[in-house]
Amino acid sequence: LQDLEYIRSATKKPVEVHMMIKKPDSYLRLFTSKNVDTIYIHP
């Protein structure tokens, strides 16, 4: 998360998150709160 936070703070370009995580909904707020532009999940 610290890597995501830094990259988000260091650029105005879009940042996208690719969640390769089981039960992504359980962790979603960790990423929706980081001002990212796109989130991919694995169905």
All heavy atoms as atom14 arrays in JSON, in Angstrom:
{
  "sequence": "LQDLEYIRSATKKPVEVHMMIKKPDSYLRLFTSKNVDTIYIHP",
  "atom14_mask": [
    [1, 1, 1, 1, 1, 1, 1, 1, 0, 0, 0, 0, 0, 0],
    [1, 1, 1, 1, 1, 1, 1, 1, 1, 0, 0, 0, 0, 0],
    [1, 1, 1, 1, 1, 1, 1, 1, 0, 0, 0, 0, 0, 0],
    [1, 1, 1, 1, 1, 1, 1, 1, 0, 0, 0, 0, 0, 0],
    [1, 1, 1, 1, 1, 1, 1, 1, 1, 0, 0, 0, 0, 0],
    [1, 1, 1, 1, 1, 1, 1, 1, 1, 1, 1, 1, 0, 0],
    [1, 1, 1, 1, 1, 1, 1, 1, 0, 0, 0, 0, 0, 0],
    [1, 1, 1, 1, 1, 1, 1, 1, 1, 1, 1, 0, 0, 0],
    [1, 1, 1, 1, 1, 1, 0, 0, 0, 0, 0, 0, 0, 0],
    [1, 1, 1, 1, 1, 0, 0, 0, 0, 0, 0, 0, 0, 0],
    [1, 1, 1, 1, 1, 1, 1, 0, 0, 0, 0, 0, 0, 0],
    [1, 1, 1, 1, 1, 1, 1, 1, 1, 0, 0, 0, 0, 0],
    [1, 1, 1, 1, 1, 1, 1, 1, 1, 0, 0, 0, 0, 0],
    [1, 1, 1, 1, 1, 1, 1, 0, 0, 0, 0, 0, 0, 0],
    [1, 1, 1, 1, 1, 1, 1, 0, 0, 0, 0, 0, 0, 0],
    [1, 1, 1, 1, 1, 1, 1, 1, 1, 0, 0, 0, 0, 0],
    [1, 1, 1, 1, 1, 1, 1, 0, 0, 0, 0, 0, 0, 0],
    [1, 1, 1, 1, 1, 1, 1, 1, 1, 1, 0, 0, 0, 0],
    [1, 1, 1, 1, 1, 1, 1, 1, 0, 0, 0, 0, 0, 0],
    [1, 1, 1, 1, 1, 1, 1, 1, 0, 0, 0, 0, 0, 0],
    [1, 1, 1, 1, 1, 1, 1, 1, 0, 0, 0, 0, 0, 0],
    [1, 1, 1, 1, 1, 1, 1, 1, 1, 0, 0, 0, 0, 0],
    [1, 1, 1, 1, 1, 1, 1, 1, 1, 0, 0, 0, 0, 0],
    [1, 1, 1, 1, 1, 1, 1, 0, 0, 0, 0, 0, 0, 0],
    [1, 1, 1, 1, 1, 1, 1, 1, 0, 0, 0, 0, 0, 0],
    [1, 1, 1, 1, 1, 1, 0, 0, 0, 0, 0, 0, 0, 0],
    [1, 1, 1, 1, 1, 1, 1, 1, 1, 1, 1, 1, 0, 0],
    [1, 1, 1, 1, 1, 1, 1, 1, 0, 0, 0, 0, 0, 0],
    [1, 1, 1, 1, 1, 1, 1, 1, 1, 1, 1, 0, 0, 0],
    [1, 1, 1, 1, 1, 1, 1, 1, 0, 0, 0, 0, 0, 0],
    [1, 1, 1, 1, 1, 1, 1, 1, 1, 1, 1, 0, 0, 0],
    [1, 1, 1, 1, 1, 1, 1, 0, 0, 0, 0, 0, 0, 0],
    [1, 1, 1, 1, 1, 1, 0, 0, 0, 0, 0, 0, 0, 0],
    [1, 1, 1, 1, 1, 1, 1, 1, 1, 0, 0, 0, 0, 0],
    [1, 1, 1, 1, 1, 1, 1, 1, 0, 0, 0, 0, 0, 0],
    [1, 1, 1, 1, 1, 1, 1, 0, 0, 0, 0, 0, 0, 0],
    [1, 1, 1, 1, 1, 1, 1, 1, 0, 0, 0, 0, 0, 0],
    [1, 1, 1, 1, 1, 1, 1, 0, 0, 0, 0, 0, 0, 0],
    [1, 1, 1, 1, 1, 1, 1, 1, 0, 0, 0, 0, 0, 0],
    [1, 1, 1, 1, 1, 1, 1, 1, 1, 1, 1, 1, 0, 0],
    [1, 1, 1, 1, 1, 1, 1, 1, 0, 0, 0, 0, 0, 0],
    [1, 1, 1, 1, 1, 1, 1, 1, 1, 1, 0, 0, 0, 0],
    [1, 1, 1, 1, 1, 1, 1, 0, 0, 0, 0, 0, 0, 0]
  ],
  "atom14_positions": [
    [[0.82, -1.21, 0.0], [0.0, 0.0, 0.0], [0.86, 1.26, 0.0], [0.49, 2.27, -0.6], [-0.94, 0.0, 1.21], [-2.14, -0.93, 1.14], [-2.87, -0.93, 2.47], [-3.08, -0.51, 0.02], [0.0, 0.0, 0.0], [0.0, 0.0, 0.0], [0.0, 0.0, 0.0], [0.0, 0.0, 0.0], [0.0, 0.0, 0.0], [0.0, 0.0, 0.0]],
    [[2.01, 1.2, 0.67], [2.88, 2.37, 0.7], [3.44, 2.68, -0.68], [3.65, 3.86, -1.02], [4.02, 2.18, 1.72], [5.05, 1.14, 1.35], [4.64, -0.26, 1.77], [3.48, -0.52, 2.1], [5.61, -1.18, 1.78], [0.0, 0.0, 0.0], [0.0, 0.0, 0.0], [0.0, 0.0, 0.0], [0.0, 0.0, 0.0], [0.0, 0.0, 0.0]],
    [[3.67, 1.64, -1.49], [4.12, 1.87, -2.87], [3.03, 2.55, -3.68], [3.3, 3.5, -4.44], [4.49, 0.54, -3.53], [5.58, -0.21, -2.79], [6.55, 0.45, -2.35], [5.46, -1.44, -2.65], [0.0, 0.0, 0.0], [0.0, 0.0, 0.0], [0.0, 0.0, 0.0], [0.0, 0.0, 0.0], [0.0, 0.0, 0.0], [0.0, 0.0, 0.0]],
    [[1.81, 2.06, -3.51], [0.67, 2.67, -4.2], [0.51, 4.13, -3.78], [0.33, 5.01, -4.62], [-0.6, 1.88, -3.89], [-1.92, 2.51, -4.34], [-1.95, 2.72, -5.84], [-3.1, 1.63, -3.89], [0.0, 0.0, 0.0], [0.0, 0.0, 0.0], [0.0, 0.0, 0.0], [0.0, 0.0, 0.0], [0.0, 0.0, 0.0], [0.0, 0.0, 0.0]],
    [[0.58, 4.38, -2.49], [0.41, 5.74, -1.99], [1.47, 6.68, -2.54], [1.18, 7.82, -2.93], [0.44, 5.75, -0.46], [-0.78, 5.11, 0.17], [-0.63, 4.93, 1.68], [0.49, 5.17, 2.2], [-1.62, 4.57, 2.33], [0.0, 0.0, 0.0], [0.0, 0.0, 0.0], [0.0, 0.0, 0.0], [0.0, 0.0, 0.0], [0.0, 0.0, 0.0]],
    [[2.71, 6.19, -2.59], [3.78, 7.05, -3.09], [3.6, 7.36, -4.57], [3.68, 8.53, -5.0], [5.16, 6.43, -2.87], [6.2, 7.31, -3.52], [6.58, 8.51, -2.92], [6.73, 7.0, -4.77], [7.47, 9.37, -3.54], [7.63, 7.85, -5.39], [7.99, 9.03, -4.77], [8.85, 9.89, -5.41], [0.0, 0.0, 0.0], [0.0, 0.0, 0.0]],
    [[3.35, 6.33, -5.38], [3.2, 6.55, -6.82], [2.01, 7.46, -7.09], [2.09, 8.35, -7.94], [3.06, 5.2, -7.54], [4.38, 4.42, -7.43], [2.67, 5.38, -9.01], [4.3, 2.99, -7.89], [0.0, 0.0, 0.0], [0.0, 0.0, 0.0], [0.0, 0.0, 0.0], [0.0, 0.0, 0.0], [0.0, 0.0, 0.0], [0.0, 0.0, 0.0]],
    [[0.92, 7.26, -6.34], [-0.23, 8.13, -6.52], [0.12, 9.59, -6.2], [-0.32, 10.52, -6.89], [-1.37, 7.67, -5.62], [-2.61, 8.56, -5.6], [-3.37, 8.59, -6.92], [-2.73, 9.37, -7.97], [-3.16, 9.44, -9.23], [-4.24, 8.76, -9.59], [-2.52, 10.15, -10.14], [0.0, 0.0, 0.0], [0.0, 0.0, 0.0], [0.0, 0.0, 0.0]],
    [[0.93, 9.81, -5.18], [1.3, 11.17, -4.79], [2.33, 11.79, -5.74], [2.44, 13.01, -5.82], [1.87, 11.18, -3.37], [3.14, 10.54, -3.31], [0.0, 0.0, 0.0], [0.0, 0.0, 0.0], [0.0, 0.0, 0.0], [0.0, 0.0, 0.0], [0.0, 0.0, 0.0], [0.0, 0.0, 0.0], [0.0, 0.0, 0.0], [0.0, 0.0, 0.0]],
    [[3.06, 10.93, -6.47], [4.17, 11.42, -7.29], [3.78, 11.74, -8.73], [4.6, 12.27, -9.48], [5.3, 10.39, -7.28], [0.0, 0.0, 0.0], [0.0, 0.0, 0.0], [0.0, 0.0, 0.0], [0.0, 0.0, 0.0], [0.0, 0.0, 0.0], [0.0, 0.0, 0.0], [0.0, 0.0, 0.0], [0.0, 0.0, 0.0], [0.0, 0.0, 0.0]],
    [[2.56, 11.39, -9.12], [2.16, 11.62, -10.51], [0.71, 12.09, -10.6], [-0.11, 11.78, -9.73], [2.31, 10.33, -11.34], [1.96, 10.6, -12.7], [1.42, 9.22, -10.81], [0.0, 0.0, 0.0], [0.0, 0.0, 0.0], [0.0, 0.0, 0.0], [0.0, 0.0, 0.0], [0.0, 0.0, 0.0], [0.0, 0.0, 0.0], [0.0, 0.0, 0.0]],
    [[0.44, 12.84, -11.65], [-0.94, 13.23, -11.96], [-1.54, 12.32, -13.03], [-2.71, 12.48, -13.38], [-0.96, 14.69, -12.42], [-0.58, 15.67, -11.32], [-0.68, 17.11, -11.8], [-0.31, 18.08, -10.67], [-0.37, 19.5, -11.11], [0.0, 0.0, 0.0], [0.0, 0.0, 0.0], [0.0, 0.0, 0.0], [0.0, 0.0, 0.0], [0.0, 0.0, 0.0]],
    [[-0.73, 11.39, -13.52], [-1.23, 10.44, -14.5], [-2.19, 9.46, -13.81], [-2.14, 9.27, -12.59], [-0.06, 9.65, -15.1], [0.92, 10.5, -15.9], [0.47, 10.68, -17.32], [1.56, 11.35, -18.15], [1.17, 11.47, -19.57], [0.0, 0.0, 0.0], [0.0, 0.0, 0.0], [0.0, 0.0, 0.0], [0.0, 0.0, 0.0], [0.0, 0.0, 0.0]],
    [[-3.06, 8.81, -14.59], [-3.94, 7.8, -14.0], [-3.16, 6.66, -13.35], [-2.1, 6.27, -13.84], [-4.76, 7.3, -15.19], [-4.73, 8.42, -16.18], [-3.38, 9.05, -16.01], [0.0, 0.0, 0.0], [0.0, 0.0, 0.0], [0.0, 0.0, 0.0], [0.0, 0.0, 0.0], [0.0, 0.0, 0.0], [0.0, 0.0, 0.0], [0.0, 0.0, 0.0]],
    [[-3.69, 6.15, -12.25], [-3.12, 5.0, -11.55], [-4.19, 3.91, -11.49], [-5.32, 4.17, -11.07], [-2.66, 5.38, -10.14], [-2.23, 4.14, -9.36], [-1.52, 6.4, -10.19], [0.0, 0.0, 0.0], [0.0, 0.0, 0.0], [0.0, 0.0, 0.0], [0.0, 0.0, 0.0], [0.0, 0.0, 0.0], [0.0, 0.0, 0.0], [0.0, 0.0, 0.0]],
    [[-3.83, 2.71, -11.91], [-4.77, 1.6, -11.89], [-4.25, 0.49, -10.99], [-3.05, 0.25, -10.92], [-5.01, 1.08, -13.31], [-3.76, 0.67, -14.06], [-4.01, 0.42, -15.53], [-4.6, 1.3, -16.19], [-3.61, -0.67, -16.01], [0.0, 0.0, 0.0], [0.0, 0.0, 0.0], [0.0, 0.0, 0.0], [0.0, 0.0, 0.0], [0.0, 0.0, 0.0]],
    [[-5.17, -0.15, -10.3], [-4.84, -1.22, -9.36], [-5.37, -2.54, -9.89], [-6.54, -2.66, -10.25], [-5.43, -0.94, -7.96], [-5.21, -2.14, -7.05], [-4.79, 0.3, -7.35], [0.0, 0.0, 0.0], [0.0, 0.0, 0.0], [0.0, 0.0, 0.0], [0.0, 0.0, 0.0], [0.0, 0.0, 0.0], [0.0, 0.0, 0.0], [0.0, 0.0, 0.0]],
    [[-4.5, -3.53, -9.92], [-4.86, -4.88, -10.35], [-4.85, -5.76, -9.1], [-3.79, -6.12, -8.59], [-3.85, -5.37, -11.39], [-4.1, -6.75, -11.9], [-3.25, -7.37, -12.8], [-5.08, -7.65, -11.65], [-3.71, -8.58, -13.07], [-4.82, -8.77, -12.38], [0.0, 0.0, 0.0], [0.0, 0.0, 0.0], [0.0, 0.0, 0.0], [0.0, 0.0, 0.0]],
    [[-6.04, -6.09, -8.59], [-6.18, -6.85, -7.36], [-6.12, -8.35, -7.64], [-7.11, -8.95, -8.07], [-7.48, -6.49, -6.65], [-7.56, -5.08, -6.12], [-9.12, -4.75, -5.23], [-8.91, -5.81, -3.78], [0.0, 0.0, 0.0], [0.0, 0.0, 0.0], [0.0, 0.0, 0.0], [0.0, 0.0, 0.0], [0.0, 0.0, 0.0], [0.0, 0.0, 0.0]],
    [[-4.98, -8.96, -7.4], [-4.84, -10.41, -7.46], [-4.96, -10.93, -6.03], [-3.99, -11.41, -5.43], [-3.51, -10.78, -8.11], [-3.47, -10.5, -9.59], [-1.86, -10.8, -10.36], [-1.22, -9.12, -10.39], [0.0, 0.0, 0.0], [0.0, 0.0, 0.0], [0.0, 0.0, 0.0], [0.0, 0.0, 0.0], [0.0, 0.0, 0.0], [0.0, 0.0, 0.0]],
    [[-6.18, -10.81, -5.51], [-6.44, -11.01, -4.08], [-7.73, -11.81, -3.91], [-8.73, -11.52, -4.57], [-6.58, -9.64, -3.37], [-5.25, -8.87, -3.44], [-7.06, -9.79, -1.95], [-5.34, -7.46, -2.9], [0.0, 0.0, 0.0], [0.0, 0.0, 0.0], [0.0, 0.0, 0.0], [0.0, 0.0, 0.0], [0.0, 0.0, 0.0], [0.0, 0.0, 0.0]],
    [[-7.72, -12.79, -3.02], [-8.94, -13.53, -2.71], [-9.92, -12.63, -1.96], [-9.52, -11.8, -1.15], [-8.62, -14.76, -1.85], [-7.88, -15.86, -2.59], [-7.64, -17.06, -1.7], [-8.94, -17.77, -1.37], [-8.68, -19.03, -0.62], [0.0, 0.0, 0.0], [0.0, 0.0, 0.0], [0.0, 0.0, 0.0], [0.0, 0.0, 0.0], [0.0, 0.0, 0.0]],
    [[-11.2, -12.8, -2.25], [-12.26, -12.01, -1.63], [-11.94, -10.51, -1.7], [-11.83, -9.83, -0.67], [-12.46, -12.44, -0.17], [-12.85, -13.9, -0.01], [-13.05, -14.27, 1.45], [-13.39, -15.73, 1.6], [-13.56, -16.12, 3.05], [0.0, 0.0, 0.0], [0.0, 0.0, 0.0], [0.0, 0.0, 0.0], [0.0, 0.0, 0.0], [0.0, 0.0, 0.0]],
    [[-11.8, -9.98, -2.9], [-11.38, -8.58, -3.04], [-12.3, -7.57, -2.37], [-11.84, -6.51, -1.94], [-11.35, -8.37, -4.56], [-12.21, -9.46, -5.12], [-12.04, -10.62, -4.2], [0.0, 0.0, 0.0], [0.0, 0.0, 0.0], [0.0, 0.0, 0.0], [0.0, 0.0, 0.0], [0.0, 0.0, 0.0], [0.0, 0.0, 0.0], [0.0, 0.0, 0.0]],
    [[-13.58, -7.89, -2.24], [-14.5, -6.93, -1.62], [-14.12, -6.66, -0.16], [-14.39, -5.58, 0.36], [-15.94, -7.45, -1.71], [-16.96, -6.33, -1.57], [-16.71, -5.24, -2.13], [-17.97, -6.53, -0.89], [0.0, 0.0, 0.0], [0.0, 0.0, 0.0], [0.0, 0.0, 0.0], [0.0, 0.0, 0.0], [0.0, 0.0, 0.0], [0.0, 0.0, 0.0]],
    [[-13.49, -7.64, 0.49], [-13.1, -7.47, 1.89], [-12.0, -6.43, 2.06], [-11.83, -5.88, 3.15], [-12.62, -8.81, 2.47], [-13.64, -9.79, 2.41], [0.0, 0.0, 0.0], [0.0, 0.0, 0.0], [0.0, 0.0, 0.0], [0.0, 0.0, 0.0], [0.0, 0.0, 0.0], [0.0, 0.0, 0.0], [0.0, 0.0, 0.0], [0.0, 0.0, 0.0]],
    [[-11.25, -6.18, 0.98], [-10.1, -5.26, 1.06], [-10.29, -4.02, 0.19], [-9.38, -3.19, 0.1], [-8.83, -5.99, 0.62], [-8.57, -7.25, 1.41], [-8.97, -8.49, 0.93], [-7.92, -7.2, 2.63], [-8.75, -9.65, 1.65], [-7.69, -8.35, 3.37], [-8.1, -9.57, 2.87], [-7.88, -10.72, 3.6], [0.0, 0.0, 0.0], [0.0, 0.0, 0.0]],
    [[-11.46, -3.9, -0.41], [-11.66, -2.88, -1.43], [-11.44, -1.46, -0.91], [-10.86, -0.62, -1.6], [-13.07, -3.02, -2.03], [-13.32, -2.32, -3.36], [-12.34, -2.8, -4.42], [-14.76, -2.56, -3.8], [0.0, 0.0, 0.0], [0.0, 0.0, 0.0], [0.0, 0.0, 0.0], [0.0, 0.0, 0.0], [0.0, 0.0, 0.0], [0.0, 0.0, 0.0]],
    [[-11.87, -1.19, 0.32], [-11.75, 0.18, 0.84], [-10.3, 0.62, 0.98], [-10.01, 1.82, 0.98], [-12.47, 0.28, 2.19], [-13.99, 0.19, 2.06], [-14.67, 0.4, 3.4], [-16.11, 0.26, 3.28], [-16.96, 0.37, 4.3], [-16.48, 0.6, 5.53], [-18.25, 0.22, 4.11], [0.0, 0.0, 0.0], [0.0, 0.0, 0.0], [0.0, 0.0, 0.0]],
    [[-9.39, -0.34, 1.12], [-7.97, 0.01, 1.17], [-7.52, 0.7, -0.11], [-6.59, 1.51, -0.1], [-7.13, -1.23, 1.4], [-7.26, -1.93, 2.75], [-6.45, -3.23, 2.74], [-6.8, -1.03, 3.88], [0.0, 0.0, 0.0], [0.0, 0.0, 0.0], [0.0, 0.0, 0.0], [0.0, 0.0, 0.0], [0.0, 0.0, 0.0], [0.0, 0.0, 0.0]],
    [[-8.21, 0.37, -1.21], [-7.8, 0.88, -2.52], [-8.71, 2.01, -3.01], [-8.23, 2.95, -3.65], [-7.76, -0.26, -3.53], [-6.87, -1.38, -3.08], [-7.38, -2.58, -2.63], [-5.49, -1.22, -3.1], [-6.56, -3.6, -2.2], [-4.65, -2.23, -2.67], [-5.18, -3.43, -2.22], [0.0, 0.0, 0.0], [0.0, 0.0, 0.0], [0.0, 0.0, 0.0]],
    [[-9.99, 1.92, -2.72], [-10.88, 3.0, -3.16], [-10.57, 4.3, -2.42], [-10.93, 5.38, -2.91], [-12.36, 2.63, -2.93], [-12.57, 2.32, -1.54], [-12.77, 1.43, -3.78], [0.0, 0.0, 0.0], [0.0, 0.0, 0.0], [0.0, 0.0, 0.0], [0.0, 0.0, 0.0], [0.0, 0.0, 0.0], [0.0, 0.0, 0.0], [0.0, 0.0, 0.0]],
    [[-9.89, 4.21, -1.29], [-9.55, 5.41, -0.53], [-8.24, 6.06, -0.99], [-7.84, 7.09, -0.45], [-9.43, 5.08, 0.96], [-8.37, 4.15, 1.19], [0.0, 0.0, 0.0], [0.0, 0.0, 0.0], [0.0, 0.0, 0.0], [0.0, 0.0, 0.0], [0.0, 0.0, 0.0], [0.0, 0.0, 0.0], [0.0, 0.0, 0.0], [0.0, 0.0, 0.0]],
    [[-7.58, 5.47, -2.0], [-6.26, 5.96, -2.42], [-6.32, 6.85, -3.67], [-5.29, 7.14, -4.26], [-5.33, 4.78, -2.7], [-5.14, 3.83, -1.54], [-4.64, 4.53, -0.28], [-4.45, 3.52, 0.85], [-4.13, 4.17, 2.13], [0.0, 0.0, 0.0], [0.0, 0.0, 0.0], [0.0, 0.0, 0.0], [0.0, 0.0, 0.0], [0.0, 0.0, 0.0]],
    [[-7.5, 7.27, -4.06], [-7.64, 8.17, -5.21], [-7.1, 7.56, -6.5], [-6.46, 8.23, -7.31], [-6.93, 9.51, -4.93], [-7.33, 10.6, -5.92], [-8.44, 10.61, -6.44], [-6.4, 11.51, -6.22], [0.0, 0.0, 0.0], [0.0, 0.0, 0.0], [0.0, 0.0, 0.0], [0.0, 0.0, 0.0], [0.0, 0.0, 0.0], [0.0, 0.0, 0.0]],
    [[-7.36, 6.26, -6.68], [-6.94, 5.6, -7.91], [-8.03, 5.77, -8.96], [-9.16, 6.15, -8.66], [-6.64, 4.11, -7.68], [-5.52, 3.95, -6.66], [-7.88, 3.34, -7.24], [0.0, 0.0, 0.0], [0.0, 0.0, 0.0], [0.0, 0.0, 0.0], [0.0, 0.0, 0.0], [0.0, 0.0, 0.0], [0.0, 0.0, 0.0], [0.0, 0.0, 0.0]],
    [[-7.68, 5.47, -10.21], [-8.6, 5.73, -11.31], [-9.34, 4.49, -11.8], [-10.48, 4.59, -12.25], [-7.82, 6.35, -12.47], [-7.16, 7.66, -12.07], [-7.82, 8.71, -12.16], [-5.99, 7.64, -11.63], [0.0, 0.0, 0.0], [0.0, 0.0, 0.0], [0.0, 0.0, 0.0], [0.0, 0.0, 0.0], [0.0, 0.0, 0.0], [0.0, 0.0, 0.0]],
    [[-8.68, 3.34, -11.73], [-9.27, 2.08, -12.19], [-8.91, 0.98, -11.22], [-7.79, 0.95, -10.68], [-8.74, 1.71, -13.59], [-9.04, 2.74, -14.52], [-9.34, 0.39, -14.08], [0.0, 0.0, 0.0], [0.0, 0.0, 0.0], [0.0, 0.0, 0.0], [0.0, 0.0, 0.0], [0.0, 0.0, 0.0], [0.0, 0.0, 0.0], [0.0, 0.0, 0.0]],
    [[-9.85, 0.07, -10.97], [-9.56, -1.13, -10.18], [-10.05, -2.35, -10.96], [-11.21, -2.43, -11.36], [-10.24, -1.09, -8.8], [-9.66, 0.03, -7.94], [-10.09, -2.43, -8.08], [-10.29, 0.16, -6.57], [0.0, 0.0, 0.0], [0.0, 0.0, 0.0], [0.0, 0.0, 0.0], [0.0, 0.0, 0.0], [0.0, 0.0, 0.0], [0.0, 0.0, 0.0]],
    [[-9.12, -3.3, -11.15], [-9.45, -4.59, -11.76], [-9.55, -5.64, -10.65], [-8.69, -5.69, -9.77], [-8.36, -5.05, -12.72], [-8.15, -4.2, -13.94], [-7.08, -3.3, -14.0], [-8.97, -4.31, -15.06], [-6.84, -2.53, -15.14], [-8.75, -3.55, -16.19], [-7.68, -2.66, -16.23], [-7.45, -1.9, -17.35], [0.0, 0.0, 0.0], [0.0, 0.0, 0.0]],
    [[-10.56, -6.47, -10.73], [-10.64, -7.65, -9.87], [-10.69, -8.89, -10.74], [-11.0, -8.82, -11.93], [-11.88, -7.61, -8.94], [-13.17, -7.73, -9.78], [-11.88, -6.36, -8.07], [-14.39, -8.07, -8.96], [0.0, 0.0, 0.0], [0.0, 0.0, 0.0], [0.0, 0.0, 0.0], [0.0, 0.0, 0.0], [0.0, 0.0, 0.0], [0.0, 0.0, 0.0]],
    [[-10.37, -10.03, -10.14], [-10.51, -11.32, -10.81], [-11.83, -11.95, -10.37], [-12.02, -12.21, -9.18], [-9.34, -12.25, -10.44], [-8.08, -11.94, -11.17], [-7.67, -12.64, -12.28], [-7.13, -11.0, -10.95], [-6.52, -12.15, -12.72], [-6.17, -11.15, -11.92], [0.0, 0.0, 0.0], [0.0, 0.0, 0.0], [0.0, 0.0, 0.0], [0.0, 0.0, 0.0]],
    [[-12.75, -12.18, -11.29], [-14.04, -12.78, -10.91], [-13.89, -14.09, -10.16], [-14.69, -14.4, -9.26], [-14.75, -12.98, -12.26], [-14.13, -11.98, -13.17], [-12.7, -11.87, -12.73], [0.0, 0.0, 0.0], [0.0, 0.0, 0.0], [0.0, 0.0, 0.0], [0.0, 0.0, 0.0], [0.0, 0.0, 0.0], [0.0, 0.0, 0.0], [0.0, 0.0, 0.0]]
  ]
}
